[in-house]
Amino acid sequence: MGVIGEERKTKIPPAGSQARRILDFMKRGNTVTSGMGVDKAIFDPIIMRLPNRIGELRHKYGHTIYQREVRSKTNKRVKWQEYSLTPFED
């Protein structure tokens, strides 16, 4: 754990990498879910293991990424994670 008030040093992933494409998408104010990774309209080429790239952005590159669990409105057993660079408002 860092010291309170300590600035986290972040690095930028290489251009064209999956992690960079996700980071750039979120920097434009968007949130991402693992389901979005396989949507060619959003990420082309697709990103099969989006949660792994989120972990990479957090641990390898030092970015703070917030996450929350989202449940389906029609079937409460169906759930997924949503990721953002800014905190979620409840």
N, C-alpha and C. Protein backbone atom coordinates (compact mmCIF):
# COMPACT_ATOMS: atom_id res chain seq x y z
N MET A 1 0.85 -1.18 0.00
CA MET A 1 0.00 0.00 0.00
C MET A 1 0.89 1.23 0.00
N GLY A 2 0.42 2.25 -0.68
CA GLY A 2 1.18 3.50 -0.74
C GLY A 2 0.83 4.41 0.42
N VAL A 3 1.62 5.42 0.56
CA VAL A 3 1.39 6.42 1.58
C VAL A 3 0.23 7.30 1.14
N ILE A 4 -0.62 7.71 2.11
CA ILE A 4 -1.75 8.58 1.78
C ILE A 4 -1.22 9.85 1.14
N GLY A 5 -1.83 10.22 0.03
CA GLY A 5 -1.41 11.43 -0.67
C GLY A 5 -0.30 11.18 -1.68
N GLU A 6 0.25 9.97 -1.69
CA GLU A 6 1.32 9.65 -2.64
C GLU A 6 0.74 9.48 -4.03
N GLU A 7 1.35 10.11 -5.00
CA GLU A 7 0.90 10.03 -6.40
C GLU A 7 1.34 8.68 -6.97
N ARG A 8 0.42 7.96 -7.60
CA ARG A 8 0.77 6.70 -8.26
C ARG A 8 1.42 7.01 -9.60
N LYS A 9 2.52 6.36 -9.87
CA LYS A 9 3.18 6.55 -11.15
C LYS A 9 2.56 5.58 -12.16
N THR A 10 2.04 6.14 -13.22
CA THR A 10 1.43 5.31 -14.25
C THR A 10 2.28 5.32 -15.50
N LYS A 11 2.20 4.23 -16.22
CA LYS A 11 2.89 4.09 -17.49
C LYS A 11 1.84 3.88 -18.57
N ILE A 12 2.20 4.17 -19.78
CA ILE A 12 1.30 3.99 -20.91
C ILE A 12 1.70 2.70 -21.64
N PRO A 13 0.73 1.81 -21.88
CA PRO A 13 1.03 0.58 -22.64
C PRO A 13 1.47 0.93 -24.07
N PRO A 14 2.15 0.01 -24.74
CA PRO A 14 2.60 0.26 -26.12
C PRO A 14 1.42 0.55 -27.06
N ALA A 15 1.66 1.43 -28.01
CA ALA A 15 0.62 1.77 -29.01
C ALA A 15 0.16 0.52 -29.73
N GLY A 16 -1.15 0.41 -29.92
CA GLY A 16 -1.71 -0.72 -30.64
C GLY A 16 -1.96 -1.96 -29.79
N SER A 17 -1.43 -1.99 -28.56
CA SER A 17 -1.65 -3.16 -27.72
C SER A 17 -3.11 -3.17 -27.23
N GLN A 18 -3.58 -4.33 -26.81
CA GLN A 18 -4.94 -4.43 -26.31
C GLN A 18 -5.14 -3.53 -25.10
N ALA A 19 -4.17 -3.53 -24.19
CA ALA A 19 -4.27 -2.69 -22.98
C ALA A 19 -4.36 -1.21 -23.37
N ARG A 20 -3.61 -0.77 -24.35
CA ARG A 20 -3.63 0.62 -24.78
C ARG A 20 -4.98 0.99 -25.41
N ARG A 21 -5.51 0.07 -26.22
CA ARG A 21 -6.81 0.32 -26.85
C ARG A 21 -7.91 0.46 -25.80
N ILE A 22 -7.86 -0.37 -24.77
CA ILE A 22 -8.84 -0.28 -23.68
C ILE A 22 -8.66 1.02 -22.92
N LEU A 23 -7.41 1.36 -22.58
CA LEU A 23 -7.13 2.59 -21.84
C LEU A 23 -7.60 3.82 -22.63
N ASP A 24 -7.29 3.88 -23.91
CA ASP A 24 -7.72 5.01 -24.74
C ASP A 24 -9.25 5.11 -24.78
N PHE A 25 -9.92 3.97 -24.88
CA PHE A 25 -11.39 3.94 -24.90
C PHE A 25 -11.95 4.50 -23.59
N MET A 26 -11.38 4.09 -22.47
CA MET A 26 -11.87 4.56 -21.17
C MET A 26 -11.51 6.03 -20.94
N LYS A 27 -10.39 6.49 -21.47
CA LYS A 27 -10.01 7.90 -21.33
C LYS A 27 -10.99 8.83 -22.03
N ARG A 28 -11.73 8.30 -22.99
CA ARG A 28 -12.76 9.10 -23.67
C ARG A 28 -14.06 9.14 -22.86
N GLY A 29 -14.02 8.66 -21.62
CA GLY A 29 -15.19 8.72 -20.74
C GLY A 29 -16.09 7.51 -20.77
N ASN A 30 -15.65 6.45 -21.45
CA ASN A 30 -16.46 5.24 -21.55
C ASN A 30 -16.15 4.25 -20.44
N THR A 31 -17.12 3.40 -20.12
CA THR A 31 -16.88 2.26 -19.25
C THR A 31 -16.78 1.04 -20.15
N VAL A 32 -16.17 -0.04 -19.65
CA VAL A 32 -16.06 -1.27 -20.44
C VAL A 32 -16.52 -2.46 -19.61
N THR A 33 -17.01 -3.47 -20.31
CA THR A 33 -17.35 -4.76 -19.71
C THR A 33 -16.67 -5.84 -20.55
N SER A 34 -16.55 -7.03 -19.98
CA SER A 34 -15.90 -8.11 -20.73
C SER A 34 -16.67 -8.44 -22.00
N GLY A 35 -17.98 -8.28 -21.98
CA GLY A 35 -18.78 -8.53 -23.18
C GLY A 35 -18.46 -7.58 -24.32
N MET A 36 -18.04 -6.37 -23.98
CA MET A 36 -17.70 -5.39 -25.01
C MET A 36 -16.43 -5.76 -25.75
N GLY A 37 -15.57 -6.54 -25.13
CA GLY A 37 -14.31 -6.92 -25.75
C GLY A 37 -14.49 -7.71 -27.03
N VAL A 38 -15.59 -8.44 -27.14
CA VAL A 38 -15.82 -9.27 -28.33
C VAL A 38 -16.77 -8.60 -29.32
N ASP A 39 -17.08 -7.34 -29.11
CA ASP A 39 -17.95 -6.59 -30.02
C ASP A 39 -17.06 -5.85 -31.03
N LYS A 40 -17.09 -6.31 -32.28
CA LYS A 40 -16.23 -5.71 -33.32
C LYS A 40 -16.56 -4.24 -33.57
N ALA A 41 -17.76 -3.81 -33.23
CA ALA A 41 -18.12 -2.41 -33.41
C ALA A 41 -17.38 -1.52 -32.41
N ILE A 42 -16.93 -2.10 -31.31
CA ILE A 42 -16.21 -1.35 -30.28
C ILE A 42 -14.72 -1.59 -30.36
N PHE A 43 -14.32 -2.86 -30.36
CA PHE A 43 -12.90 -3.23 -30.43
C PHE A 43 -12.67 -4.13 -31.64
N ASP A 44 -11.96 -3.61 -32.62
CA ASP A 44 -11.64 -4.40 -33.80
C ASP A 44 -10.15 -4.29 -34.06
N PRO A 45 -9.36 -5.33 -33.89
CA PRO A 45 -9.76 -6.70 -33.59
C PRO A 45 -10.28 -6.84 -32.16
N ILE A 46 -11.04 -7.92 -31.93
CA ILE A 46 -11.68 -8.12 -30.64
C ILE A 46 -10.65 -8.42 -29.54
N ILE A 47 -11.09 -8.26 -28.30
CA ILE A 47 -10.25 -8.54 -27.12
C ILE A 47 -10.96 -9.63 -26.34
N MET A 48 -10.46 -10.86 -26.40
CA MET A 48 -11.13 -12.00 -25.77
C MET A 48 -11.02 -11.98 -24.24
N ARG A 49 -9.91 -11.53 -23.70
CA ARG A 49 -9.70 -11.60 -22.25
C ARG A 49 -9.57 -10.20 -21.67
N LEU A 50 -10.62 -9.42 -21.83
CA LEU A 50 -10.61 -8.03 -21.37
C LEU A 50 -10.28 -7.90 -19.87
N PRO A 51 -10.84 -8.74 -18.97
CA PRO A 51 -10.48 -8.61 -17.55
C PRO A 51 -8.98 -8.79 -17.28
N ASN A 52 -8.33 -9.63 -18.07
CA ASN A 52 -6.88 -9.79 -17.93
C ASN A 52 -6.14 -8.50 -18.29
N ARG A 53 -6.61 -7.82 -19.34
CA ARG A 53 -5.99 -6.55 -19.72
C ARG A 53 -6.25 -5.47 -18.68
N ILE A 54 -7.40 -5.51 -18.02
CA ILE A 54 -7.69 -4.57 -16.93
C ILE A 54 -6.69 -4.80 -15.79
N GLY A 55 -6.46 -6.07 -15.46
CA GLY A 55 -5.46 -6.39 -14.43
C GLY A 55 -4.07 -5.91 -14.81
N GLU A 56 -3.74 -6.03 -16.08
CA GLU A 56 -2.46 -5.55 -16.59
C GLU A 56 -2.35 -4.03 -16.43
N LEU A 57 -3.42 -3.32 -16.78
CA LEU A 57 -3.41 -1.86 -16.63
C LEU A 57 -3.23 -1.46 -15.17
N ARG A 58 -3.84 -2.22 -14.28
CA ARG A 58 -3.73 -1.91 -12.85
C ARG A 58 -2.34 -2.22 -12.31
N HIS A 59 -1.88 -3.44 -12.54
CA HIS A 59 -0.68 -3.92 -11.86
C HIS A 59 0.62 -3.63 -12.60
N LYS A 60 0.63 -3.78 -13.89
CA LYS A 60 1.85 -3.54 -14.66
C LYS A 60 2.06 -2.06 -14.96
N TYR A 61 0.94 -1.36 -15.26
CA TYR A 61 1.06 0.04 -15.68
C TYR A 61 0.63 1.04 -14.61
N GLY A 62 0.08 0.57 -13.48
CA GLY A 62 -0.20 1.44 -12.33
C GLY A 62 -1.44 2.30 -12.40
N HIS A 63 -2.39 2.00 -13.29
CA HIS A 63 -3.60 2.81 -13.41
C HIS A 63 -4.64 2.40 -12.37
N THR A 64 -5.35 3.37 -11.84
CA THR A 64 -6.46 3.10 -10.94
C THR A 64 -7.70 2.88 -11.79
N ILE A 65 -8.25 1.68 -11.69
CA ILE A 65 -9.45 1.34 -12.46
C ILE A 65 -10.50 0.85 -11.48
N TYR A 66 -11.66 1.47 -11.53
CA TYR A 66 -12.76 1.13 -10.63
C TYR A 66 -13.60 0.04 -11.28
N GLN A 67 -14.21 -0.78 -10.45
CA GLN A 67 -15.08 -1.81 -11.00
C GLN A 67 -16.30 -1.99 -10.11
N ARG A 68 -17.38 -2.43 -10.75
CA ARG A 68 -18.60 -2.74 -10.01
C ARG A 68 -19.29 -3.91 -10.69
N GLU A 69 -20.07 -4.61 -9.90
CA GLU A 69 -20.82 -5.73 -10.42
C GLU A 69 -22.17 -5.24 -10.93
N VAL A 70 -22.54 -5.68 -12.11
CA VAL A 70 -23.82 -5.31 -12.72
C VAL A 70 -24.62 -6.59 -12.89
N ARG A 71 -25.90 -6.53 -12.55
CA ARG A 71 -26.78 -7.68 -12.70
C ARG A 71 -27.83 -7.40 -13.78
N SER A 72 -28.19 -8.43 -14.48
CA SER A 72 -29.22 -8.33 -15.51
C SER A 72 -30.54 -7.92 -14.87
N LYS A 73 -31.28 -7.09 -15.57
CA LYS A 73 -32.60 -6.67 -15.06
C LYS A 73 -33.64 -7.78 -15.20
N THR A 74 -33.42 -8.69 -16.15
CA THR A 74 -34.40 -9.75 -16.38
C THR A 74 -34.06 -11.05 -15.65
N ASN A 75 -32.80 -11.30 -15.36
CA ASN A 75 -32.39 -12.52 -14.68
C ASN A 75 -31.30 -12.16 -13.67
N LYS A 76 -31.64 -12.09 -12.42
CA LYS A 76 -30.71 -11.63 -11.37
C LYS A 76 -29.51 -12.56 -11.18
N ARG A 77 -29.57 -13.77 -11.73
CA ARG A 77 -28.41 -14.67 -11.63
C ARG A 77 -27.33 -14.33 -12.63
N VAL A 78 -27.67 -13.55 -13.65
CA VAL A 78 -26.71 -13.16 -14.68
C VAL A 78 -26.03 -11.87 -14.23
N LYS A 79 -24.69 -11.88 -14.16
CA LYS A 79 -23.96 -10.70 -13.71
C LYS A 79 -22.64 -10.60 -14.46
N TRP A 80 -22.07 -9.41 -14.43
CA TRP A 80 -20.79 -9.14 -15.07
C TRP A 80 -20.15 -7.96 -14.37
N GLN A 81 -18.88 -7.68 -14.72
CA GLN A 81 -18.14 -6.57 -14.14
C GLN A 81 -18.08 -5.41 -15.14
N GLU A 82 -18.16 -4.21 -14.60
CA GLU A 82 -18.03 -3.00 -15.40
C GLU A 82 -16.83 -2.23 -14.87
N TYR A 83 -16.00 -1.69 -15.75
CA TYR A 83 -14.75 -1.02 -15.37
C TYR A 83 -14.75 0.43 -15.85
N SER A 84 -14.11 1.30 -15.04
CA SER A 84 -14.08 2.72 -15.37
C SER A 84 -12.82 3.35 -14.78
N LEU A 85 -12.39 4.47 -15.39
CA LEU A 85 -11.27 5.24 -14.82
C LEU A 85 -11.73 6.20 -13.72
N THR A 86 -13.04 6.42 -13.64
CA THR A 86 -13.58 7.32 -12.62
C THR A 86 -14.50 6.51 -11.70
N PRO A 87 -14.64 6.94 -10.44
CA PRO A 87 -15.51 6.19 -9.51
C PRO A 87 -16.95 6.17 -10.00
N PHE A 88 -17.64 5.09 -9.71
CA PHE A 88 -19.05 4.96 -10.07
C PHE A 88 -19.89 5.69 -9.03
N GLU A 89 -20.97 6.30 -9.49
CA GLU A 89 -21.93 6.92 -8.58
C GLU A 89 -23.05 5.93 -8.35
N ASP A 90 -23.44 5.75 -7.12
CA ASP A 90 -24.52 4.78 -6.81
C ASP A 90 -25.87 5.43 -6.86
